[in-house]
Amino acid sequence: QVQLVETGGGLVQPGGSLTLSCVFSGSSFTDQTMYWYRQAPGKEREWIATVSSASLLKKYADSVKGRFTVSRDNRQRTMWLRMNSLISEDTAVYYCSGNGFWGQGTQVTVSS
């Protein structure tokens, strides 16, 4: 059974940083392109980052480009999202996705 588990969310002040983790289990991870999405209150789910299976390709939404960095370690079956210079508009539930599966999400709140 495929399972994705996100951790690392929390409350952070504007300008602060957080690193989210996504652990992938139950199926092949190394050959999967992985994604981060987020959903803010009252808004649709938004794609924010992609990392290819060997990390050769990384893409970011304009809203996070230059502030967020996606990475992965296939041996650890883990993907990360390093978020810097956080702003209130980054407040959302963050989800990882791969192979058609989704995690349960982790809440990130940016507030003073």
Protein backbone atom coordinates (compact mmCIF):
# COMPACT_ATOMS: atom_id res chain seq x y z
CA GLN A 1 0.00 0.00 0.00
CA VAL A 2 1.42 3.33 -1.06
CA GLN A 3 1.68 5.91 1.66
CA LEU A 4 2.99 9.47 1.69
CA VAL A 5 3.46 11.25 4.99
CA GLU A 6 4.24 14.95 5.27
CA THR A 7 5.76 16.48 8.36
CA GLY A 8 7.39 19.73 9.35
CA GLY A 9 4.54 22.21 9.24
CA GLY A 10 3.88 24.73 11.95
CA LEU A 11 3.59 28.39 12.87
CA VAL A 12 6.33 30.71 11.67
CA GLN A 13 6.76 34.46 11.60
CA PRO A 14 6.92 36.37 8.32
CA GLY A 15 10.43 36.17 6.93
CA GLY A 16 11.07 32.88 8.65
CA SER A 17 11.85 29.44 7.26
CA LEU A 18 10.50 25.93 7.46
CA THR A 19 11.44 22.61 5.91
CA LEU A 20 8.73 20.12 5.05
CA SER A 21 9.43 16.42 4.60
CA CYS A 22 7.53 13.79 2.64
CA VAL A 23 8.28 10.13 3.21
CA PHE A 24 7.12 7.75 0.48
CA SER A 25 6.53 4.09 1.24
CA GLY A 26 4.89 1.04 -0.24
CA SER A 27 5.89 1.36 -3.86
CA SER A 28 8.71 2.33 -6.12
CA PHE A 29 9.90 5.82 -5.28
CA THR A 30 13.13 6.18 -7.16
CA ASP A 31 11.52 6.35 -10.61
CA GLN A 32 8.68 8.67 -9.67
CA THR A 33 8.47 12.37 -10.36
CA MET A 34 7.30 13.98 -7.14
CA TYR A 35 5.29 17.12 -6.51
CA TRP A 36 4.43 19.61 -3.81
CA TYR A 37 1.06 21.33 -3.75
CA ARG A 38 -0.67 23.62 -1.31
CA GLN A 39 -4.21 24.69 -0.57
CA ALA A 40 -5.01 27.93 1.18
CA PRO A 41 -8.35 28.48 2.92
CA GLY A 42 -11.08 29.12 0.39
CA LYS A 43 -8.78 28.49 -2.57
CA GLU A 44 -8.12 25.66 -4.98
CA ARG A 45 -5.15 23.37 -4.57
CA GLU A 46 -2.10 24.94 -6.20
CA TRP A 47 0.93 23.20 -7.65
CA ILE A 48 4.15 24.71 -6.33
CA ALA A 49 7.09 22.43 -7.11
CA THR A 50 8.22 19.38 -9.07
CA VAL A 51 11.33 17.25 -8.81
CA SER A 52 12.12 14.52 -11.31
CA SER A 53 13.18 11.04 -10.28
CA ALA A 54 16.93 11.73 -10.41
CA SER A 55 16.56 15.38 -9.36
CA LEU A 56 17.75 16.52 -12.78
CA LEU A 57 14.63 18.60 -13.32
CA LYS A 58 13.15 20.96 -10.78
CA LYS A 59 10.34 23.39 -11.44
CA TYR A 60 8.62 25.98 -9.29
CA ALA A 61 5.51 28.08 -9.42
CA ASP A 62 6.20 31.77 -9.87
CA SER A 63 4.71 32.43 -6.44
CA VAL A 64 7.52 30.51 -4.70
CA LYS A 65 10.42 30.71 -7.16
CA GLY A 66 13.58 31.93 -5.52
CA ARG A 67 12.24 31.28 -2.02
CA PHE A 68 11.43 27.54 -2.00
CA THR A 69 13.75 24.66 -2.85
CA VAL A 70 12.67 21.09 -3.53
CA SER A 71 15.03 18.17 -3.02
CA ARG A 72 14.90 14.42 -2.58
CA ASP A 73 16.97 11.47 -1.47
CA ASN A 74 15.91 8.25 -3.15
CA ARG A 75 17.78 6.07 -0.69
CA GLN A 76 15.79 7.62 2.14
CA ARG A 77 12.59 7.66 0.05
CA THR A 78 12.16 11.23 1.17
CA MET A 79 11.44 14.55 -0.48
CA TRP A 80 11.86 17.95 1.16
CA LEU A 81 10.60 21.46 0.60
CA ARG A 82 12.80 24.16 2.07
CA MET A 83 10.77 27.35 2.43
CA ASN A 84 12.55 30.65 3.05
CA SER A 85 11.35 34.25 3.31
CA LEU A 86 7.87 33.08 4.18
CA ILE A 87 4.99 35.49 3.78
CA SER A 88 1.39 35.39 4.97
CA GLU A 89 0.27 34.28 1.52
CA ASP A 90 2.21 31.04 2.04
CA THR A 91 -0.26 30.00 4.73
CA ALA A 92 -1.83 26.77 3.51
CA VAL A 93 -1.99 23.03 3.91
CA TYR A 94 0.95 21.56 2.02
CA TYR A 95 0.69 18.21 0.26
CA CYS A 96 3.17 15.94 -1.44
CA SER A 97 2.14 13.76 -4.34
CA GLY A 98 3.64 11.03 -6.46
CA ASN A 99 2.49 8.14 -8.63
CA GLY A 100 -1.06 9.39 -8.31
CA PHE A 101 -1.05 9.25 -4.53
CA TRP A 102 -1.32 12.07 -1.98
CA GLY A 103 -0.28 12.61 1.58
CA GLN A 104 -2.60 13.87 4.29
CA GLY A 105 -1.09 17.34 4.29
CA THR A 106 0.72 19.46 6.85
CA GLN A 107 -0.41 22.92 7.95
CA VAL A 108 1.89 25.89 7.50
CA THR A 109 0.81 29.15 9.10
CA VAL A 110 2.78 32.35 8.56
CA SER A 111 1.78 34.96 11.09
CA SER A 112 3.25 37.41 13.55
